Amino acid sequence: MAQKENPFAIGDKVTKANGKKVMTVTYAYNNRIHATYDHSGQSCSGYANDFKHYEEDGQAMSKDAIYKLNLDNGFDPKPIFAHYRGTDSAGNWLMERIGDGGGIVIVTKEKCEEVLPYTFSVRMNGREQHFVGEAGKVKKGDILLYTAGGADNFAFAVVKNVDTKNKGAKTWEGVRVLTEAI
């Protein structure tokens, strides 16, 4: 029985089948690949069907996501919010306005900013994780106590970055620990 050809080549950008973080393939043979995460340098191995090719445009825009259009026309300071509806032949985005009667606006991708909740990242249990928060409640270096696991399952975390604009952030359950220098 012939083996299926590996759909990946060295240098391809991939994610795990259900993942979001981008990796670069460093080894591809038969139905196995080895890849390195672009953001951390950590490596990952597995069967080819555990991965998918990274599609920048498909993951960067969602038809349900709300975008703020940064149109500096000099006379209309009111922000415009819209949904992505497609791309024209020149690569511009077709955006459907919401909240003011609708209509289609054609803009460059650079003038669109996805509206996301305020998020922050923490280092907890040896991993960086993202959570939804409130602006001004935490700052870089704060020590937090994560209590989502109940009284018998908690973890300390250190705030690494604020306003991370992460789409996959979870809800924070816990408190900020007040410290005193000794």
N, C-alpha and C. Protein backbone atom coordinates (compact mmCIF):
# COMPACT_ATOMS: atom_id res chain seq x y z
N MET A 1 0.84 -1.17 0.00
CA MET A 1 0.00 0.00 0.00
C MET A 1 0.88 1.24 0.00
N ALA A 2 0.62 2.16 -0.90
CA ALA A 2 1.42 3.37 -1.04
C ALA A 2 1.06 4.37 0.06
N GLN A 3 2.09 5.05 0.56
CA GLN A 3 1.87 6.04 1.59
C GLN A 3 1.45 7.36 0.96
N LYS A 4 0.57 8.12 1.63
CA LYS A 4 0.16 9.42 1.12
C LYS A 4 1.35 10.37 1.13
N GLU A 5 1.41 11.22 0.12
CA GLU A 5 2.49 12.19 0.05
C GLU A 5 2.29 13.25 1.12
N ASN A 6 3.36 13.67 1.76
CA ASN A 6 3.29 14.69 2.79
C ASN A 6 2.94 16.03 2.14
N PRO A 7 1.87 16.71 2.61
CA PRO A 7 1.47 17.97 2.00
C PRO A 7 2.35 19.15 2.41
N PHE A 8 3.30 18.93 3.30
CA PHE A 8 4.13 20.02 3.82
C PHE A 8 5.56 19.90 3.34
N ALA A 9 6.21 21.05 3.23
CA ALA A 9 7.62 21.10 2.84
C ALA A 9 8.36 21.97 3.86
N ILE A 10 9.65 21.81 3.94
CA ILE A 10 10.47 22.62 4.84
C ILE A 10 10.26 24.09 4.49
N GLY A 11 10.00 24.90 5.52
CA GLY A 11 9.78 26.33 5.31
C GLY A 11 8.31 26.73 5.27
N ASP A 12 7.40 25.74 5.11
CA ASP A 12 5.97 26.06 5.09
C ASP A 12 5.53 26.62 6.44
N LYS A 13 4.56 27.54 6.40
CA LYS A 13 3.96 28.09 7.62
C LYS A 13 2.73 27.24 7.92
N VAL A 14 2.64 26.72 9.16
CA VAL A 14 1.55 25.83 9.55
C VAL A 14 1.05 26.21 10.94
N THR A 15 -0.12 25.67 11.30
CA THR A 15 -0.63 25.71 12.67
C THR A 15 -1.09 24.29 12.98
N LYS A 16 -1.32 24.01 14.26
CA LYS A 16 -1.95 22.74 14.58
C LYS A 16 -3.34 22.76 13.99
N ALA A 17 -3.95 21.61 13.76
CA ALA A 17 -5.24 21.52 13.09
C ALA A 17 -6.28 22.42 13.73
N ASN A 18 -6.28 22.53 15.05
CA ASN A 18 -7.25 23.38 15.74
C ASN A 18 -6.57 24.55 16.43
N GLY A 19 -5.36 24.88 16.00
CA GLY A 19 -4.59 25.92 16.67
C GLY A 19 -4.55 27.23 15.92
N LYS A 20 -3.88 28.21 16.54
CA LYS A 20 -3.76 29.55 15.95
C LYS A 20 -2.31 29.99 15.83
N LYS A 21 -1.43 29.44 16.66
CA LYS A 21 -0.05 29.91 16.68
C LYS A 21 0.72 29.35 15.48
N VAL A 22 1.47 30.24 14.85
CA VAL A 22 2.16 29.91 13.60
C VAL A 22 3.49 29.22 13.88
N MET A 23 3.76 28.18 13.07
CA MET A 23 5.02 27.44 13.15
C MET A 23 5.63 27.37 11.76
N THR A 24 6.93 27.13 11.71
CA THR A 24 7.63 26.91 10.45
C THR A 24 8.12 25.47 10.42
N VAL A 25 7.80 24.76 9.33
CA VAL A 25 8.20 23.36 9.19
C VAL A 25 9.72 23.29 9.02
N THR A 26 10.37 22.46 9.86
CA THR A 26 11.82 22.28 9.78
C THR A 26 12.20 20.89 9.27
N TYR A 27 11.21 19.97 9.23
CA TYR A 27 11.46 18.60 8.79
C TYR A 27 10.14 18.01 8.32
N ALA A 28 10.15 17.39 7.15
CA ALA A 28 8.94 16.74 6.63
C ALA A 28 9.36 15.45 5.92
N TYR A 29 8.86 14.31 6.40
CA TYR A 29 9.20 13.03 5.80
C TYR A 29 8.03 12.07 5.98
N ASN A 30 7.67 11.36 4.91
CA ASN A 30 6.51 10.48 4.91
C ASN A 30 5.30 11.25 5.44
N ASN A 31 4.70 10.76 6.50
CA ASN A 31 3.52 11.46 7.03
C ASN A 31 3.81 12.17 8.35
N ARG A 32 5.08 12.49 8.61
CA ARG A 32 5.47 13.17 9.85
C ARG A 32 6.08 14.53 9.53
N ILE A 33 5.89 15.48 10.46
CA ILE A 33 6.58 16.75 10.32
C ILE A 33 7.12 17.19 11.68
N HIS A 34 8.09 18.07 11.63
CA HIS A 34 8.65 18.72 12.81
C HIS A 34 8.61 20.21 12.50
N ALA A 35 8.12 21.02 13.45
CA ALA A 35 8.00 22.45 13.22
C ALA A 35 8.43 23.21 14.47
N THR A 36 8.77 24.48 14.27
CA THR A 36 9.19 25.35 15.36
C THR A 36 8.23 26.53 15.44
N TYR A 37 7.72 26.81 16.64
CA TYR A 37 6.82 27.95 16.83
C TYR A 37 7.57 29.25 16.52
N ASP A 38 6.97 30.11 15.71
CA ASP A 38 7.60 31.38 15.33
C ASP A 38 7.74 32.32 16.53
N HIS A 39 6.80 32.29 17.46
CA HIS A 39 6.81 33.25 18.57
C HIS A 39 7.74 32.84 19.71
N SER A 40 8.04 31.54 19.86
CA SER A 40 8.83 31.12 21.01
C SER A 40 10.07 30.31 20.68
N GLY A 41 10.10 29.73 19.48
CA GLY A 41 11.24 28.88 19.12
C GLY A 41 11.11 27.45 19.61
N GLN A 42 10.07 27.14 20.39
CA GLN A 42 9.87 25.78 20.85
C GLN A 42 9.48 24.90 19.67
N SER A 43 9.79 23.61 19.77
CA SER A 43 9.52 22.71 18.65
C SER A 43 8.34 21.80 18.94
N CYS A 44 7.81 21.24 17.86
CA CYS A 44 6.63 20.39 17.93
C CYS A 44 6.73 19.36 16.81
N SER A 45 6.40 18.11 17.09
CA SER A 45 6.40 17.06 16.08
C SER A 45 5.05 16.37 16.05
N GLY A 46 4.72 15.77 14.92
CA GLY A 46 3.49 15.03 14.84
C GLY A 46 3.21 14.53 13.44
N TYR A 47 2.06 13.89 13.28
CA TYR A 47 1.64 13.42 11.97
C TYR A 47 1.14 14.59 11.14
N ALA A 48 1.31 14.51 9.85
CA ALA A 48 0.92 15.60 8.95
C ALA A 48 -0.55 15.98 9.10
N ASN A 49 -1.42 15.00 9.37
CA ASN A 49 -2.84 15.34 9.48
C ASN A 49 -3.18 16.05 10.79
N ASP A 50 -2.20 16.23 11.69
CA ASP A 50 -2.39 17.00 12.91
C ASP A 50 -2.16 18.49 12.68
N PHE A 51 -1.75 18.87 11.46
CA PHE A 51 -1.40 20.25 11.14
C PHE A 51 -2.19 20.72 9.93
N LYS A 52 -2.22 22.04 9.74
CA LYS A 52 -2.82 22.62 8.54
C LYS A 52 -1.95 23.80 8.10
N HIS A 53 -2.02 24.12 6.81
CA HIS A 53 -1.28 25.27 6.31
C HIS A 53 -1.85 26.54 6.93
N TYR A 54 -0.97 27.47 7.26
CA TYR A 54 -1.39 28.75 7.83
C TYR A 54 -1.90 29.63 6.71
N GLU A 55 -3.10 30.16 6.88
CA GLU A 55 -3.70 31.05 5.90
C GLU A 55 -3.89 32.39 6.56
N GLU A 56 -2.97 33.32 6.30
CA GLU A 56 -2.96 34.62 6.99
C GLU A 56 -4.28 35.35 6.84
N ASP A 57 -4.78 35.51 5.64
CA ASP A 57 -6.02 36.26 5.45
C ASP A 57 -7.20 35.55 6.06
N GLY A 58 -7.28 34.24 5.98
CA GLY A 58 -8.40 33.50 6.54
C GLY A 58 -8.44 33.57 8.05
N GLN A 59 -7.29 33.69 8.69
CA GLN A 59 -7.27 33.75 10.14
C GLN A 59 -7.29 35.18 10.64
N ALA A 60 -6.91 36.13 9.79
CA ALA A 60 -6.86 37.51 10.24
C ALA A 60 -8.22 38.18 10.21
N MET A 61 -9.14 37.65 9.39
CA MET A 61 -10.43 38.31 9.29
C MET A 61 -11.56 37.32 9.41
N SER A 62 -12.56 37.72 10.11
CA SER A 62 -13.74 36.91 10.31
C SER A 62 -14.94 37.72 9.86
N LYS A 63 -15.89 37.07 9.21
CA LYS A 63 -17.08 37.79 8.74
C LYS A 63 -17.93 38.30 9.90
N ASP A 64 -17.79 37.72 11.09
CA ASP A 64 -18.56 38.16 12.24
C ASP A 64 -17.82 39.21 13.06
N ALA A 65 -16.52 39.34 12.85
CA ALA A 65 -15.73 40.30 13.62
C ALA A 65 -16.14 41.73 13.27
N ILE A 66 -15.99 42.61 14.24
CA ILE A 66 -16.28 44.03 14.02
C ILE A 66 -14.95 44.76 13.89
N TYR A 67 -14.84 45.60 12.87
CA TYR A 67 -13.64 46.38 12.62
C TYR A 67 -13.94 47.86 12.75
N LYS A 68 -12.98 48.60 13.28
CA LYS A 68 -13.06 50.06 13.31
C LYS A 68 -12.25 50.53 12.11
N LEU A 69 -12.86 51.36 11.27
CA LEU A 69 -12.18 51.87 10.08
C LEU A 69 -11.51 53.19 10.42
N ASN A 70 -10.22 53.26 10.19
CA ASN A 70 -9.45 54.46 10.48
C ASN A 70 -9.35 55.31 9.22
N LEU A 71 -10.41 56.05 8.95
CA LEU A 71 -10.49 56.90 7.76
C LEU A 71 -10.29 58.34 8.19
N ASP A 72 -9.14 58.89 7.91
CA ASP A 72 -8.86 60.27 8.29
C ASP A 72 -9.22 61.17 7.12
N ASN A 73 -10.51 61.56 7.07
CA ASN A 73 -10.95 62.41 5.97
C ASN A 73 -10.97 63.88 6.37
N GLY A 74 -10.57 64.21 7.58
CA GLY A 74 -10.42 65.59 7.99
C GLY A 74 -11.68 66.29 8.46
N PHE A 75 -12.86 65.77 8.16
CA PHE A 75 -14.07 66.48 8.56
C PHE A 75 -15.10 65.61 9.27
N ASP A 76 -14.93 64.31 9.33
CA ASP A 76 -15.90 63.44 10.00
C ASP A 76 -15.19 62.64 11.09
N PRO A 77 -15.14 63.19 12.33
CA PRO A 77 -14.39 62.52 13.40
C PRO A 77 -15.08 61.28 13.96
N LYS A 78 -16.36 61.05 13.60
CA LYS A 78 -17.10 59.91 14.13
C LYS A 78 -16.50 58.60 13.58
N PRO A 79 -16.18 57.65 14.47
CA PRO A 79 -15.61 56.39 13.98
C PRO A 79 -16.63 55.58 13.18
N ILE A 80 -16.14 54.81 12.24
CA ILE A 80 -16.99 53.95 11.42
C ILE A 80 -16.68 52.50 11.81
N PHE A 81 -17.74 51.73 12.07
CA PHE A 81 -17.58 50.33 12.40
C PHE A 81 -18.19 49.50 11.28
N ALA A 82 -17.57 48.36 10.99
CA ALA A 82 -18.02 47.58 9.83
C ALA A 82 -17.64 46.11 9.99
N HIS A 83 -18.28 45.27 9.15
CA HIS A 83 -17.95 43.86 9.03
C HIS A 83 -17.20 43.65 7.72
N TYR A 84 -16.23 42.74 7.72
CA TYR A 84 -15.52 42.38 6.50
C TYR A 84 -16.44 41.54 5.62
N ARG A 85 -16.48 41.83 4.33
CA ARG A 85 -17.34 41.08 3.41
C ARG A 85 -16.59 40.48 2.23
N GLY A 86 -15.37 40.89 1.99
CA GLY A 86 -14.62 40.31 0.87
C GLY A 86 -13.42 41.17 0.51
N THR A 87 -12.73 40.74 -0.54
CA THR A 87 -11.55 41.44 -1.03
C THR A 87 -11.72 41.69 -2.52
N ASP A 88 -11.39 42.90 -2.98
CA ASP A 88 -11.50 43.17 -4.41
C ASP A 88 -10.22 42.74 -5.13
N SER A 89 -10.18 42.91 -6.45
CA SER A 89 -9.04 42.44 -7.25
C SER A 89 -7.75 43.19 -6.94
N ALA A 90 -7.85 44.37 -6.34
CA ALA A 90 -6.66 45.15 -5.98
C ALA A 90 -6.17 44.82 -4.57
N GLY A 91 -6.87 43.92 -3.87
CA GLY A 91 -6.47 43.54 -2.52
C GLY A 91 -7.09 44.40 -1.43
N ASN A 92 -7.95 45.34 -1.80
CA ASN A 92 -8.65 46.17 -0.81
C ASN A 92 -9.77 45.37 -0.16
N TRP A 93 -10.12 45.75 1.06
CA TRP A 93 -11.18 45.07 1.78
C TRP A 93 -12.52 45.74 1.51
N LEU A 94 -13.55 44.94 1.32
CA LEU A 94 -14.92 45.43 1.17
C LEU A 94 -15.56 45.32 2.55
N MET A 95 -15.92 46.47 3.13
CA MET A 95 -16.43 46.51 4.49
C MET A 95 -17.87 47.02 4.47
N GLU A 96 -18.76 46.29 5.18
CA GLU A 96 -20.15 46.70 5.29
C GLU A 96 -20.34 47.48 6.58
N ARG A 97 -20.71 48.75 6.45
CA ARG A 97 -20.90 49.62 7.61
C ARG A 97 -22.04 49.09 8.48
N ILE A 98 -21.90 49.29 9.80
CA ILE A 98 -22.97 48.90 10.72
C ILE A 98 -23.31 50.09 11.59
N GLY A 99 -24.59 50.18 11.97
CA GLY A 99 -25.01 51.20 12.91
C GLY A 99 -25.39 52.54 12.31
N ASP A 100 -25.17 52.75 11.03
CA ASP A 100 -25.52 54.05 10.45
C ASP A 100 -26.17 53.91 9.07
N GLY A 101 -26.96 52.87 8.91
CA GLY A 101 -27.67 52.70 7.64
C GLY A 101 -26.99 51.76 6.66
N GLY A 102 -25.82 51.28 6.99
CA GLY A 102 -25.15 50.31 6.13
C GLY A 102 -24.40 50.95 4.98
N GLY A 103 -24.18 50.16 3.94
CA GLY A 103 -23.39 50.60 2.80
C GLY A 103 -22.04 49.92 2.79
N ILE A 104 -21.44 49.86 1.63
CA ILE A 104 -20.13 49.22 1.46
C ILE A 104 -19.06 50.29 1.35
N VAL A 105 -17.96 50.10 2.07
CA VAL A 105 -16.80 50.98 2.02
C VAL A 105 -15.63 50.14 1.57
N ILE A 106 -14.84 50.65 0.65
CA ILE A 106 -13.65 49.94 0.17
C ILE A 106 -12.43 50.63 0.77
N VAL A 107 -11.63 49.86 1.54
CA VAL A 107 -10.46 50.41 2.22
C VAL A 107 -9.29 49.44 2.13
N THR A 108 -8.09 49.95 2.38
CA THR A 108 -6.92 49.07 2.46
C THR A 108 -6.96 48.35 3.81
N LYS A 109 -6.35 47.20 3.85
CA LYS A 109 -6.32 46.38 5.07
C LYS A 109 -5.71 47.16 6.24
N GLU A 110 -4.74 48.02 5.96
CA GLU A 110 -4.05 48.76 7.01
C GLU A 110 -4.96 49.75 7.73
N LYS A 111 -6.07 50.14 7.13
CA LYS A 111 -6.99 51.10 7.75
C LYS A 111 -8.06 50.42 8.59
N CYS A 112 -7.97 49.10 8.75
CA CYS A 112 -8.95 48.34 9.52
C CYS A 112 -8.31 47.81 10.79
N GLU A 113 -8.97 48.05 11.90
CA GLU A 113 -8.50 47.55 13.19
C GLU A 113 -9.62 46.76 13.84
N GLU A 114 -9.36 45.47 14.08
CA GLU A 114 -10.41 44.64 14.69
C GLU A 114 -10.69 45.11 16.11
N VAL A 115 -11.96 45.20 16.44
CA VAL A 115 -12.38 45.60 17.79
C VAL A 115 -12.31 44.36 18.68
N LEU A 116 -11.43 44.40 19.65
CA LEU A 116 -11.22 43.28 20.57
C LEU A 116 -11.33 43.77 22.00
N PRO A 117 -11.68 42.88 22.92
CA PRO A 117 -11.71 43.30 24.33
C PRO A 117 -10.29 43.56 24.83
N TYR A 118 -10.18 44.29 25.92
CA TYR A 118 -8.88 44.54 26.55
C TYR A 118 -8.37 43.22 27.12
N THR A 119 -7.16 42.84 26.77
CA THR A 119 -6.58 41.58 27.25
C THR A 119 -5.19 41.82 27.83
N PHE A 120 -4.75 40.89 28.65
CA PHE A 120 -3.39 40.93 29.19
C PHE A 120 -2.83 39.51 29.19
N SER A 121 -1.50 39.40 29.20
CA SER A 121 -0.88 38.08 29.23
C SER A 121 -0.16 37.89 30.55
N VAL A 122 -0.15 36.65 31.00
CA VAL A 122 0.55 36.29 32.24
C VAL A 122 1.42 35.07 31.98
N ARG A 123 2.43 34.92 32.81
CA ARG A 123 3.25 33.71 32.82
C ARG A 123 2.78 32.90 34.02
N MET A 124 2.22 31.71 33.73
CA MET A 124 1.64 30.87 34.78
C MET A 124 1.91 29.42 34.44
N ASN A 125 2.40 28.67 35.41
CA ASN A 125 2.68 27.24 35.21
C ASN A 125 3.61 27.01 34.02
N GLY A 126 4.56 27.91 33.82
CA GLY A 126 5.55 27.74 32.76
C GLY A 126 5.07 28.11 31.37
N ARG A 127 3.86 28.66 31.25
CA ARG A 127 3.33 29.03 29.93
C ARG A 127 2.82 30.46 29.95
N GLU A 128 2.82 31.09 28.78
CA GLU A 128 2.20 32.40 28.66
C GLU A 128 0.76 32.20 28.24
N GLN A 129 -0.16 32.85 28.96
CA GLN A 129 -1.59 32.72 28.68
C GLN A 129 -2.21 34.10 28.65
N HIS A 130 -3.31 34.23 27.89
CA HIS A 130 -3.97 35.52 27.72
C HIS A 130 -5.36 35.50 28.37
N PHE A 131 -5.72 36.64 28.99
CA PHE A 131 -6.99 36.76 29.68
C PHE A 131 -7.63 38.11 29.36
N VAL A 132 -8.97 38.12 29.39
CA VAL A 132 -9.72 39.36 29.22
C VAL A 132 -9.70 40.09 30.55
N GLY A 133 -9.48 41.39 30.52
CA GLY A 133 -9.44 42.17 31.75
C GLY A 133 -10.01 43.56 31.53
N GLU A 134 -9.77 44.41 32.50
CA GLU A 134 -10.25 45.79 32.44
C GLU A 134 -9.02 46.70 32.43
N ALA A 135 -8.98 47.63 31.52
CA ALA A 135 -7.84 48.54 31.40
C ALA A 135 -7.57 49.23 32.73
N GLY A 136 -6.30 49.25 33.14
CA GLY A 136 -5.90 49.92 34.37
C GLY A 136 -5.92 49.06 35.61
N LYS A 137 -6.52 47.87 35.55
CA LYS A 137 -6.61 47.01 36.74
C LYS A 137 -5.29 46.30 37.04
N VAL A 138 -4.55 45.93 36.00
CA VAL A 138 -3.25 45.27 36.20
C VAL A 138 -2.20 46.00 35.37
N LYS A 139 -0.95 45.85 35.79
CA LYS A 139 0.16 46.41 35.03
C LYS A 139 1.27 45.37 34.93
N LYS A 140 2.17 45.58 34.01
CA LYS A 140 3.27 44.65 33.79
C LYS A 140 4.04 44.45 35.10
N GLY A 141 4.27 43.18 35.46
CA GLY A 141 5.00 42.84 36.68
C GLY A 141 4.12 42.52 37.87
N ASP A 142 2.81 42.82 37.81
CA ASP A 142 1.91 42.49 38.90
C ASP A 142 1.88 40.99 39.14
N ILE A 143 1.68 40.61 40.39
CA ILE A 143 1.54 39.20 40.76
C ILE A 143 0.05 38.93 41.00
N LEU A 144 -0.46 37.89 40.35
CA LEU A 144 -1.87 37.55 40.45
C LEU A 144 -2.02 36.13 40.99
N LEU A 145 -3.18 35.86 41.57
CA LEU A 145 -3.51 34.52 42.05
C LEU A 145 -4.72 34.05 41.25
N TYR A 146 -4.53 33.00 40.45
CA TYR A 146 -5.59 32.44 39.61
C TYR A 146 -6.34 31.39 40.42
N THR A 147 -7.66 31.56 40.56
CA THR A 147 -8.43 30.69 41.45
C THR A 147 -9.54 29.93 40.72
N ALA A 148 -9.47 29.82 39.42
CA ALA A 148 -10.54 29.17 38.65
C ALA A 148 -10.70 27.70 39.01
N GLY A 149 -9.65 27.08 39.52
CA GLY A 149 -9.73 25.67 39.87
C GLY A 149 -10.28 25.40 41.24
N GLY A 150 -10.70 26.42 41.95
CA GLY A 150 -11.23 26.24 43.29
C GLY A 150 -10.15 26.38 44.35
N ALA A 151 -10.52 26.12 45.60
CA ALA A 151 -9.62 26.32 46.73
C ALA A 151 -8.42 25.37 46.71
N ASP A 152 -8.58 24.20 46.10
CA ASP A 152 -7.50 23.21 46.09
C ASP A 152 -6.65 23.26 44.82
N ASN A 153 -7.02 24.12 43.89
CA ASN A 153 -6.30 24.16 42.62
C ASN A 153 -6.14 25.62 42.20
N PHE A 154 -5.03 26.23 42.58
CA PHE A 154 -4.78 27.64 42.27
C PHE A 154 -3.36 27.77 41.73
N ALA A 155 -3.06 28.95 41.17
CA ALA A 155 -1.73 29.18 40.62
C ALA A 155 -1.38 30.66 40.71
N PHE A 156 -0.10 30.93 40.96
CA PHE A 156 0.38 32.31 40.91
C PHE A 156 0.76 32.63 39.47
N ALA A 157 0.58 33.89 39.09
CA ALA A 157 0.89 34.33 37.74
C ALA A 157 1.53 35.71 37.80
N VAL A 158 2.40 36.00 36.85
CA VAL A 158 3.03 37.31 36.73
C VAL A 158 2.58 37.94 35.42
N VAL A 159 2.10 39.18 35.47
CA VAL A 159 1.65 39.89 34.27
C VAL A 159 2.86 40.21 33.40
N LYS A 160 2.84 39.73 32.16
CA LYS A 160 3.95 39.95 31.23
C LYS A 160 3.70 41.14 30.31
N ASN A 161 2.46 41.27 29.82
CA ASN A 161 2.12 42.37 28.90
C ASN A 161 0.67 42.75 29.11
N VAL A 162 0.34 44.00 28.80
CA VAL A 162 -1.03 44.48 28.88
C VAL A 162 -1.48 44.96 27.50
N ASP A 163 -2.77 45.01 27.29
CA ASP A 163 -3.39 45.41 26.02
C ASP A 163 -2.81 44.59 24.86
N THR A 164 -2.89 43.25 25.00
CA THR A 164 -2.28 42.35 24.02
C THR A 164 -3.15 42.10 22.80
N LYS A 165 -4.42 42.51 22.82
CA LYS A 165 -5.33 42.35 21.69
C LYS A 165 -5.36 40.90 21.19
N ASN A 166 -5.57 39.98 22.12
CA ASN A 166 -5.58 38.56 21.80
C ASN A 166 -7.00 38.06 21.59
N LYS A 167 -7.25 37.41 20.46
CA LYS A 167 -8.59 36.91 20.13
C LYS A 167 -9.01 35.72 20.98
N GLY A 168 -8.05 34.92 21.42
CA GLY A 168 -8.37 33.69 22.13
C GLY A 168 -8.28 33.79 23.64
N ALA A 169 -8.33 35.00 24.17
CA ALA A 169 -8.18 35.19 25.61
C ALA A 169 -9.36 34.61 26.39
N LYS A 170 -9.04 34.05 27.56
CA LYS A 170 -10.05 33.49 28.45
C LYS A 170 -10.43 34.52 29.51
N THR A 171 -11.48 34.24 30.25
CA THR A 171 -11.91 35.12 31.33
C THR A 171 -11.03 34.88 32.56
N TRP A 172 -10.50 35.96 33.14
CA TRP A 172 -9.67 35.84 34.33
C TRP A 172 -10.54 35.58 35.55
N GLU A 173 -10.15 34.60 36.35
CA GLU A 173 -10.82 34.32 37.62
C GLU A 173 -9.75 34.32 38.69
N GLY A 174 -9.71 35.37 39.47
CA GLY A 174 -8.70 35.46 40.50
C GLY A 174 -8.55 36.87 41.01
N VAL A 175 -7.44 37.11 41.71
CA VAL A 175 -7.21 38.39 42.36
C VAL A 175 -5.76 38.85 42.13
N ARG A 176 -5.54 40.14 42.36
CA ARG A 176 -4.20 40.69 42.31
C ARG A 176 -3.64 40.61 43.71
N VAL A 177 -2.39 40.19 43.86
CA VAL A 177 -1.73 40.05 45.14
C VAL A 177 -0.96 41.33 45.42
N LEU A 178 -1.26 41.97 46.54
CA LEU A 178 -0.52 43.17 46.94
C LEU A 178 0.76 42.73 47.63
N THR A 179 1.86 43.32 47.23
CA THR A 179 3.16 42.91 47.79
C THR A 179 3.84 44.08 48.48
N GLU A 180 4.79 43.73 49.32
CA GLU A 180 5.57 44.74 50.03
C GLU A 180 7.04 44.32 49.94
N ALA A 181 7.89 45.25 49.59
CA ALA A 181 9.32 44.92 49.48
C ALA A 181 9.87 44.55 50.84
N ILE A 182 10.79 43.55 50.84
CA ILE A 182 11.41 43.15 52.12
C ILE A 182 12.92 43.26 52.02
